[in-house]
Amino acid sequence: MVENSWTGLLALSEVIELNDLYETRIDNDSGGKILYIGYSQTANAPTDEKIWYLLKLEYDSNGFMSRKRLPDDGAGFLYTWDDRATYFS
């Protein structure tokens, strides 16, 4: 950890992750497991605009998360949150 010598406080970059700075949406199944996570670089981002970075979570037969998938067309802020399920085969 990096300590700021004049205050003794941790540097902000050591405390937060890059994803903490994004607008985040989460979609759960009926059992409460997270299915999709979406990030946008815009606060209060519209869900129908192609400004979302999407991930799909998959689970093994025991119910443990086994994979984070990118959309079929790859990574990027290229997708709409509203159509998240259509981007994965």
N, C-alpha and C. Protein backbone atom coordinates (compact mmCIF):
# COMPACT_ATOMS: atom_id res chain seq x y z
N MET A 1 0.82 -1.18 0.00
CA MET A 1 0.00 0.00 0.00
C MET A 1 0.87 1.25 0.00
N VAL A 2 0.38 2.28 -0.67
CA VAL A 2 1.10 3.54 -0.74
C VAL A 2 0.51 4.48 0.29
N GLU A 3 1.37 5.07 1.09
CA GLU A 3 0.90 5.98 2.12
C GLU A 3 1.31 7.40 1.75
N ASN A 4 0.38 8.31 1.89
CA ASN A 4 0.67 9.71 1.63
C ASN A 4 1.45 10.24 2.83
N SER A 5 2.68 10.67 2.62
CA SER A 5 3.57 11.02 3.73
C SER A 5 3.12 12.23 4.53
N TRP A 6 2.39 13.14 3.94
CA TRP A 6 2.02 14.34 4.68
C TRP A 6 0.75 14.18 5.50
N THR A 7 -0.06 13.18 5.22
CA THR A 7 -1.28 12.99 6.01
C THR A 7 -1.36 11.63 6.66
N GLY A 8 -0.58 10.67 6.18
CA GLY A 8 -0.67 9.32 6.70
C GLY A 8 -1.86 8.55 6.14
N LEU A 9 -2.58 9.09 5.17
CA LEU A 9 -3.73 8.43 4.57
C LEU A 9 -3.29 7.62 3.37
N LEU A 10 -4.02 6.56 3.09
CA LEU A 10 -3.74 5.75 1.91
C LEU A 10 -4.07 6.54 0.65
N ALA A 11 -3.29 6.34 -0.39
CA ALA A 11 -3.59 6.96 -1.67
C ALA A 11 -4.89 6.38 -2.21
N LEU A 12 -5.72 7.22 -2.78
CA LEU A 12 -7.02 6.80 -3.30
C LEU A 12 -6.88 5.65 -4.29
N SER A 13 -5.86 5.69 -5.13
CA SER A 13 -5.67 4.64 -6.13
C SER A 13 -5.38 3.28 -5.52
N GLU A 14 -4.98 3.23 -4.28
CA GLU A 14 -4.71 1.97 -3.60
C GLU A 14 -5.95 1.42 -2.89
N VAL A 15 -6.98 2.23 -2.78
CA VAL A 15 -8.17 1.84 -2.02
C VAL A 15 -9.31 1.39 -2.93
N ILE A 16 -9.46 2.02 -4.08
CA ILE A 16 -10.58 1.69 -4.95
C ILE A 16 -10.10 1.00 -6.21
N GLU A 17 -10.98 0.24 -6.80
CA GLU A 17 -10.72 -0.42 -8.07
C GLU A 17 -11.26 0.46 -9.19
N LEU A 18 -10.75 0.28 -10.40
CA LEU A 18 -11.21 1.06 -11.53
C LEU A 18 -12.71 0.91 -11.74
N ASN A 19 -13.25 -0.29 -11.56
CA ASN A 19 -14.69 -0.51 -11.75
C ASN A 19 -15.54 0.26 -10.76
N ASP A 20 -14.97 0.68 -9.63
CA ASP A 20 -15.71 1.46 -8.65
C ASP A 20 -16.09 2.83 -9.19
N LEU A 21 -15.43 3.27 -10.25
CA LEU A 21 -15.69 4.58 -10.81
C LEU A 21 -16.76 4.55 -11.90
N TYR A 22 -17.29 3.39 -12.20
CA TYR A 22 -18.29 3.24 -13.24
C TYR A 22 -19.68 3.10 -12.65
N GLU A 23 -20.66 3.53 -13.45
CA GLU A 23 -22.06 3.21 -13.16
C GLU A 23 -22.18 1.69 -13.34
N THR A 24 -22.80 1.01 -12.40
CA THR A 24 -22.88 -0.45 -12.44
C THR A 24 -24.33 -0.90 -12.35
N ARG A 25 -24.67 -1.86 -13.17
CA ARG A 25 -25.98 -2.52 -13.09
C ARG A 25 -25.75 -4.01 -12.92
N ILE A 26 -26.67 -4.65 -12.21
CA ILE A 26 -26.56 -6.09 -11.94
C ILE A 26 -27.92 -6.72 -12.19
N ASP A 27 -27.93 -7.86 -12.85
CA ASP A 27 -29.15 -8.62 -13.12
C ASP A 27 -29.02 -9.98 -12.45
N ASN A 28 -29.97 -10.32 -11.59
CA ASN A 28 -29.97 -11.58 -10.84
C ASN A 28 -31.04 -12.52 -11.39
N ASP A 29 -30.82 -13.83 -11.20
CA ASP A 29 -31.87 -14.79 -11.52
C ASP A 29 -32.84 -14.86 -10.34
N SER A 30 -33.85 -15.71 -10.43
CA SER A 30 -34.87 -15.79 -9.38
C SER A 30 -34.32 -16.29 -8.05
N GLY A 31 -33.16 -16.98 -8.09
CA GLY A 31 -32.54 -17.47 -6.86
C GLY A 31 -31.55 -16.50 -6.24
N GLY A 32 -31.35 -15.35 -6.90
CA GLY A 32 -30.45 -14.35 -6.37
C GLY A 32 -29.03 -14.38 -6.91
N LYS A 33 -28.73 -15.35 -7.78
CA LYS A 33 -27.39 -15.39 -8.38
C LYS A 33 -27.26 -14.30 -9.42
N ILE A 34 -26.09 -13.67 -9.45
CA ILE A 34 -25.83 -12.65 -10.46
C ILE A 34 -25.63 -13.31 -11.81
N LEU A 35 -26.38 -12.84 -12.81
CA LEU A 35 -26.25 -13.36 -14.17
C LEU A 35 -25.43 -12.42 -15.05
N TYR A 36 -25.72 -11.13 -14.96
CA TYR A 36 -25.06 -10.14 -15.80
C TYR A 36 -24.61 -8.96 -14.95
N ILE A 37 -23.46 -8.39 -15.32
CA ILE A 37 -22.97 -7.16 -14.73
C ILE A 37 -22.68 -6.22 -15.89
N GLY A 38 -23.11 -4.98 -15.75
CA GLY A 38 -22.84 -3.97 -16.78
C GLY A 38 -22.19 -2.75 -16.16
N TYR A 39 -21.21 -2.20 -16.87
CA TYR A 39 -20.52 -0.99 -16.44
C TYR A 39 -20.68 0.08 -17.52
N SER A 40 -20.89 1.31 -17.08
CA SER A 40 -20.91 2.45 -17.98
C SER A 40 -20.03 3.54 -17.40
N GLN A 41 -19.40 4.30 -18.26
CA GLN A 41 -18.56 5.41 -17.81
C GLN A 41 -19.37 6.68 -17.59
N THR A 42 -20.68 6.59 -17.78
CA THR A 42 -21.57 7.73 -17.65
C THR A 42 -22.48 7.56 -16.43
N ALA A 43 -22.52 8.57 -15.58
CA ALA A 43 -23.42 8.52 -14.42
C ALA A 43 -24.87 8.52 -14.90
N ASN A 44 -25.72 7.73 -14.23
CA ASN A 44 -27.13 7.61 -14.59
C ASN A 44 -27.31 7.25 -16.06
N ALA A 45 -26.48 6.36 -16.53
CA ALA A 45 -26.43 6.00 -17.95
C ALA A 45 -27.75 5.43 -18.44
N PRO A 46 -28.20 5.86 -19.62
CA PRO A 46 -29.39 5.26 -20.22
C PRO A 46 -29.12 3.80 -20.56
N THR A 47 -30.06 2.94 -20.28
CA THR A 47 -29.87 1.51 -20.49
C THR A 47 -30.05 1.08 -21.94
N ASP A 48 -30.57 1.98 -22.77
CA ASP A 48 -30.81 1.62 -24.18
C ASP A 48 -29.74 2.17 -25.12
N GLU A 49 -28.69 2.77 -24.58
CA GLU A 49 -27.60 3.29 -25.42
C GLU A 49 -26.42 2.33 -25.41
N LYS A 50 -25.69 2.30 -26.51
CA LYS A 50 -24.54 1.40 -26.65
C LYS A 50 -23.31 2.00 -25.97
N ILE A 51 -23.37 2.02 -24.64
CA ILE A 51 -22.30 2.59 -23.83
C ILE A 51 -21.96 1.68 -22.65
N TRP A 52 -22.36 0.43 -22.73
CA TRP A 52 -22.18 -0.51 -21.62
C TRP A 52 -21.12 -1.55 -21.92
N TYR A 53 -20.33 -1.88 -20.91
CA TYR A 53 -19.38 -2.98 -20.92
C TYR A 53 -20.05 -4.11 -20.15
N LEU A 54 -20.22 -5.25 -20.78
CA LEU A 54 -21.01 -6.33 -20.18
C LEU A 54 -20.18 -7.56 -19.83
N LEU A 55 -20.60 -8.23 -18.78
CA LEU A 55 -20.06 -9.54 -18.39
C LEU A 55 -21.23 -10.45 -18.05
N LYS A 56 -21.10 -11.71 -18.39
CA LYS A 56 -22.08 -12.72 -18.00
C LYS A 56 -21.37 -13.70 -17.07
N LEU A 57 -21.99 -13.99 -15.93
CA LEU A 57 -21.42 -14.94 -14.98
C LEU A 57 -22.05 -16.30 -15.19
N GLU A 58 -21.21 -17.33 -15.12
CA GLU A 58 -21.69 -18.70 -15.24
C GLU A 58 -21.32 -19.46 -13.97
N TYR A 59 -22.10 -20.49 -13.68
CA TYR A 59 -21.95 -21.25 -12.44
C TYR A 59 -21.80 -22.73 -12.74
N ASP A 60 -21.06 -23.43 -11.87
CA ASP A 60 -20.90 -24.87 -12.04
C ASP A 60 -22.10 -25.60 -11.44
N SER A 61 -22.09 -26.92 -11.49
CA SER A 61 -23.22 -27.71 -11.01
C SER A 61 -23.44 -27.60 -9.50
N ASN A 62 -22.43 -27.12 -8.78
CA ASN A 62 -22.57 -26.91 -7.33
C ASN A 62 -23.06 -25.51 -6.97
N GLY A 63 -23.26 -24.68 -8.00
CA GLY A 63 -23.74 -23.34 -7.77
C GLY A 63 -22.65 -22.30 -7.52
N PHE A 64 -21.39 -22.69 -7.72
CA PHE A 64 -20.29 -21.76 -7.54
C PHE A 64 -19.96 -21.08 -8.87
N MET A 65 -19.61 -19.81 -8.82
CA MET A 65 -19.25 -19.09 -10.03
C MET A 65 -18.01 -19.73 -10.65
N SER A 66 -18.10 -20.03 -11.94
CA SER A 66 -17.00 -20.70 -12.61
C SER A 66 -16.40 -19.91 -13.77
N ARG A 67 -17.12 -18.86 -14.19
CA ARG A 67 -16.62 -18.13 -15.37
C ARG A 67 -17.26 -16.76 -15.46
N LYS A 68 -16.47 -15.78 -15.88
CA LYS A 68 -16.97 -14.47 -16.29
C LYS A 68 -16.75 -14.38 -17.79
N ARG A 69 -17.84 -14.25 -18.54
CA ARG A 69 -17.75 -14.24 -20.01
C ARG A 69 -17.89 -12.85 -20.58
N LEU A 70 -17.16 -12.61 -21.66
CA LEU A 70 -17.34 -11.40 -22.46
C LEU A 70 -18.39 -11.68 -23.53
N PRO A 71 -19.02 -10.65 -24.06
CA PRO A 71 -19.95 -10.86 -25.17
C PRO A 71 -19.25 -11.49 -26.37
N ASP A 72 -20.01 -12.11 -27.24
CA ASP A 72 -19.46 -12.79 -28.42
C ASP A 72 -18.60 -11.86 -29.28
N ASP A 73 -18.94 -10.59 -29.35
CA ASP A 73 -18.20 -9.64 -30.17
C ASP A 73 -17.03 -8.99 -29.43
N GLY A 74 -16.75 -9.43 -28.21
CA GLY A 74 -15.58 -8.95 -27.48
C GLY A 74 -15.86 -7.86 -26.47
N ALA A 75 -14.77 -7.41 -25.86
CA ALA A 75 -14.84 -6.42 -24.80
C ALA A 75 -14.97 -5.01 -25.35
N GLY A 76 -15.60 -4.17 -24.58
CA GLY A 76 -15.71 -2.76 -24.95
C GLY A 76 -17.02 -2.18 -24.46
N PHE A 77 -17.08 -0.88 -24.46
CA PHE A 77 -18.31 -0.17 -24.09
C PHE A 77 -19.16 -0.03 -25.34
N LEU A 78 -19.64 -1.19 -25.84
CA LEU A 78 -20.28 -1.28 -27.15
C LEU A 78 -21.72 -1.76 -27.11
N TYR A 79 -22.26 -1.98 -25.94
CA TYR A 79 -23.52 -2.72 -25.83
C TYR A 79 -24.58 -1.93 -25.06
N THR A 80 -25.83 -2.34 -25.25
CA THR A 80 -26.91 -1.77 -24.44
C THR A 80 -27.21 -2.72 -23.28
N TRP A 81 -27.52 -2.15 -22.14
CA TRP A 81 -27.89 -2.97 -20.99
C TRP A 81 -29.20 -3.70 -21.28
N ASP A 82 -30.12 -3.02 -21.93
CA ASP A 82 -31.44 -3.61 -22.20
C ASP A 82 -31.36 -4.90 -23.01
N ASP A 83 -30.37 -5.02 -23.89
CA ASP A 83 -30.25 -6.20 -24.77
C ASP A 83 -29.17 -7.16 -24.32
N ARG A 84 -28.77 -7.10 -23.06
CA ARG A 84 -27.62 -7.86 -22.54
C ARG A 84 -27.68 -9.36 -22.86
N ALA A 85 -28.83 -9.97 -22.77
CA ALA A 85 -28.93 -11.41 -22.98
C ALA A 85 -28.68 -11.83 -24.43
N THR A 86 -28.83 -10.90 -25.35
CA THR A 86 -28.69 -11.24 -26.78
C THR A 86 -27.24 -11.25 -27.26
N TYR A 87 -26.31 -10.78 -26.45
CA TYR A 87 -24.91 -10.66 -26.86
C TYR A 87 -24.07 -11.90 -26.57
N PHE A 88 -24.66 -12.89 -25.95
CA PHE A 88 -23.92 -14.09 -25.56
C PHE A 88 -24.56 -15.31 -26.20
N SER A 89 -23.73 -16.18 -26.81
CA SER A 89 -24.30 -17.40 -27.43
C SER A 89 -24.31 -18.53 -26.42
